Each structure stands twice: as structure tokens, then as C-alpha cells.
């Protein structure tokens, strides 16, 4: 159809002439209410966004001198976070002379991850890494 004729038809019915496929030969256009079309698309996007699960990263701090009871509390806390579907960042900060015992700190973190893995299936998303005086790893729930 001629472009001018299509524009006349669109104006007669108080609608818009919208180019759907500009690369096609000849270009494909559609007569529609463009404002309503944009509204429907926005509505669809909002619905999809509402369905998405936002994954938070929850933090747990350990120390080099942590006692067994405190470690158990942190483990329960981590299990609760993982159960909700959140990722858990386990962090251990070395202060002062503790920095010389980074190997002990890694052992504590490995033991912590093993204890959680014994209760719930997890994925270590980021292995133990060190940034200055901090050691951290990120745990996630296995799907």
C-alpha cells in the first residue's frame, strides 16, 4: 500500500502508523494505537521484573579466635541465609599479629564451609581469597 494512503487510513481511524519492520523490502507498517502499545509493553516488563528473585549477598564475619559455640551460631545463620536463597559472604578479618597466621584462617574458613556442606548442598561461588587483611569466600545454594 502506498505510504500516503496508509497515513490517511490511520488518521481516519484516529490511530498511528507504526513501522514494524524497517529492513523488510518493502518496509512493513501497522496501524495501531501506539500509546496503548507502549503501555502494554511496559506492563509486561513490570510483570517480568516482579517475578524475578533478587538475590542478596548476606555477610557473616568470623575471627581467628572464634569459639566452637560462636562458630555454630554463625553456621546456623549462614544456613538460614542459604535456605532463603541468598548468597553468603563469609569474611575473616586478621588484626595485628593474626596476619602471620593466614594459613590458620584459611583452615577455619574451609572447616566452616565443610560444616555447612554437611547439612546443605552448597556451591563455593568464590574460593577463599585475600584482600589485605581480609579473607573471604562466597557460598551459594546448589539448585
Protein backbone atom coordinates (compact mmCIF):
# COMPACT_ATOMS: atom_id res chain seq x y z
CA UNK A 1 0.00 0.00 0.00
CA UNK A 2 1.18 3.50 -0.67
CA UNK A 3 2.56 5.38 2.34
CA UNK A 4 0.27 8.34 1.82
CA UNK A 5 -2.81 6.07 1.65
CA UNK A 6 -1.72 4.26 4.87
CA UNK A 7 -1.30 7.60 6.66
CA UNK A 8 -4.79 8.68 5.55
CA UNK A 9 -6.31 5.41 6.84
CA UNK A 10 -4.54 5.84 10.18
CA UNK A 11 -5.74 9.44 10.56
CA UNK A 12 -9.32 8.47 9.69
CA UNK A 13 -9.44 5.92 12.48
CA UNK A 14 -7.53 8.15 14.97
CA UNK A 15 -4.66 5.66 15.20
CA UNK A 16 -0.92 5.79 14.45
CA UNK A 17 1.03 4.33 11.55
CA UNK A 18 3.91 2.41 13.17
CA UNK A 19 6.84 0.97 11.23
CA UNK A 20 7.20 -2.63 12.42
CA UNK A 21 9.99 -3.93 10.21
CA UNK A 22 12.08 -1.20 8.54
CA UNK A 23 14.59 -3.63 7.00
CA UNK A 24 11.98 -5.63 5.08
CA UNK A 25 11.51 -4.90 1.38
CA UNK A 26 9.08 -3.07 1.22
CA UNK A 27 9.06 -1.83 4.89
CA UNK A 28 6.22 -3.26 6.98
CA UNK A 29 3.94 -0.86 8.89
CA UNK A 30 0.94 -1.37 11.13
CA UNK A 31 -1.98 0.86 12.05
CA UNK A 32 -2.34 0.81 15.85
CA UNK A 33 -2.70 2.93 18.96
CA UNK A 34 0.99 3.43 19.73
CA UNK A 35 0.40 4.81 23.25
CA UNK A 36 -1.60 1.71 24.19
CA UNK A 37 1.11 -0.49 22.67
CA UNK A 38 3.82 1.19 24.78
CA UNK A 39 1.65 0.84 27.89
CA UNK A 40 1.15 -2.90 27.25
CA UNK A 41 4.90 -3.42 26.76
CA UNK A 42 5.70 -1.54 29.96
CA UNK A 43 3.10 -3.57 31.83
CA UNK A 44 4.64 -6.81 30.53
CA UNK A 45 8.13 -5.70 31.62
CA UNK A 46 6.89 -4.77 35.11
CA UNK A 47 5.28 -8.18 35.46
CA UNK A 48 8.51 -9.93 34.46
CA UNK A 49 10.52 -7.78 36.85
CA UNK A 50 8.16 -8.65 39.71
CA UNK A 51 8.66 -12.37 39.03
CA UNK A 52 12.43 -12.14 39.25
CA UNK A 53 14.05 -13.21 42.50
CA UNK A 54 16.55 -10.67 43.68
CA UNK A 55 19.50 -12.46 45.25
CA UNK A 56 21.10 -10.62 48.14
CA UNK A 57 24.56 -11.26 49.47
CA UNK A 58 24.41 -11.63 53.24
CA UNK A 59 27.58 -11.31 55.27
CA UNK A 60 28.98 -13.40 58.10
CA UNK A 61 32.13 -12.47 59.97
CA UNK A 62 34.45 -14.93 61.61
CA UNK A 63 37.57 -14.30 63.68
CA UNK A 64 40.73 -16.28 64.14
CA UNK A 65 39.92 -16.89 67.82
CA UNK A 66 36.27 -17.86 67.31
CA UNK A 67 34.94 -20.40 69.78
CA UNK A 68 33.04 -23.55 68.82
CA UNK A 69 29.70 -22.20 70.07
CA UNK A 70 30.07 -18.93 68.15
CA UNK A 71 31.11 -20.86 65.04
CA UNK A 72 27.98 -22.98 65.42
CA UNK A 73 25.82 -19.83 65.67
CA UNK A 74 27.41 -18.42 62.50
CA UNK A 75 26.84 -21.74 60.75
CA UNK A 76 23.12 -21.68 61.65
CA UNK A 77 22.91 -18.09 60.46
CA UNK A 78 24.54 -19.00 57.13
CA UNK A 79 22.19 -21.96 56.70
CA UNK A 80 19.22 -19.64 57.26
CA UNK A 81 20.51 -17.21 54.61
CA UNK A 82 21.14 -20.01 52.12
CA UNK A 83 17.71 -21.51 52.80
CA UNK A 84 16.10 -18.19 51.82
CA UNK A 85 18.03 -18.30 48.54
CA UNK A 86 20.54 -15.58 49.38
CA UNK A 87 24.27 -15.90 48.79
CA UNK A 88 26.50 -15.75 51.84
CA UNK A 89 29.81 -13.91 52.04
CA UNK A 90 31.98 -15.41 54.76
CA UNK A 91 34.61 -12.94 55.90
CA UNK A 92 37.51 -13.31 58.30
CA UNK A 93 39.48 -10.23 59.32
CA UNK A 94 43.04 -10.62 60.58
CA UNK A 95 44.15 -7.98 63.08
CA UNK A 96 47.66 -7.18 64.23
CA UNK A 97 49.78 -10.28 64.76
CA UNK A 98 46.98 -12.50 63.46
CA UNK A 99 48.15 -11.61 59.94
CA UNK A 100 51.04 -14.02 60.37
CA UNK A 101 48.54 -16.89 60.71
CA UNK A 102 46.73 -16.64 57.39
CA UNK A 103 47.03 -20.42 56.97
CA UNK A 104 45.07 -21.00 60.22
CA UNK A 105 42.45 -18.53 59.00
CA UNK A 106 42.06 -20.46 55.74
CA UNK A 107 41.67 -23.68 57.70
CA UNK A 108 38.88 -22.12 59.78
CA UNK A 109 37.08 -20.98 56.64
CA UNK A 110 37.46 -24.38 54.93
CA UNK A 111 36.14 -26.11 58.06
CA UNK A 112 33.20 -23.67 58.14
CA UNK A 113 32.33 -24.43 54.50
CA UNK A 114 32.62 -28.19 55.12
CA UNK A 115 30.28 -28.00 58.12
CA UNK A 116 27.68 -26.15 56.05
CA UNK A 117 28.11 -28.59 53.15
CA UNK A 118 27.44 -31.48 55.54
CA UNK A 119 23.99 -30.04 56.32
CA UNK A 120 23.01 -28.47 52.98
CA UNK A 121 24.28 -28.79 49.42
CA UNK A 122 26.21 -25.62 48.57
CA UNK A 123 28.42 -24.22 45.85
CA UNK A 124 31.53 -22.24 46.65
CA UNK A 125 30.96 -19.44 44.14
CA UNK A 126 34.18 -17.64 45.01
CA UNK A 127 37.03 -19.53 46.63
CA UNK A 128 38.91 -18.16 49.61
CA UNK A 129 40.73 -15.04 48.52
CA UNK A 130 42.69 -12.43 50.39
CA UNK A 131 42.45 -8.66 50.12
CA UNK A 132 44.84 -7.03 52.53
CA UNK A 133 44.00 -8.30 56.00
CA UNK A 134 40.65 -9.83 54.96
CA UNK A 135 39.94 -13.33 53.75
CA UNK A 136 36.57 -14.03 52.21
CA UNK A 137 34.59 -16.53 50.17
CA UNK A 138 31.10 -16.55 48.74
CA UNK A 139 28.76 -19.51 49.21
CA UNK A 140 25.56 -20.18 47.28
CA UNK A 141 22.80 -22.76 47.45
CA UNK A 142 23.04 -25.55 44.89
CA UNK A 143 19.95 -25.53 42.68
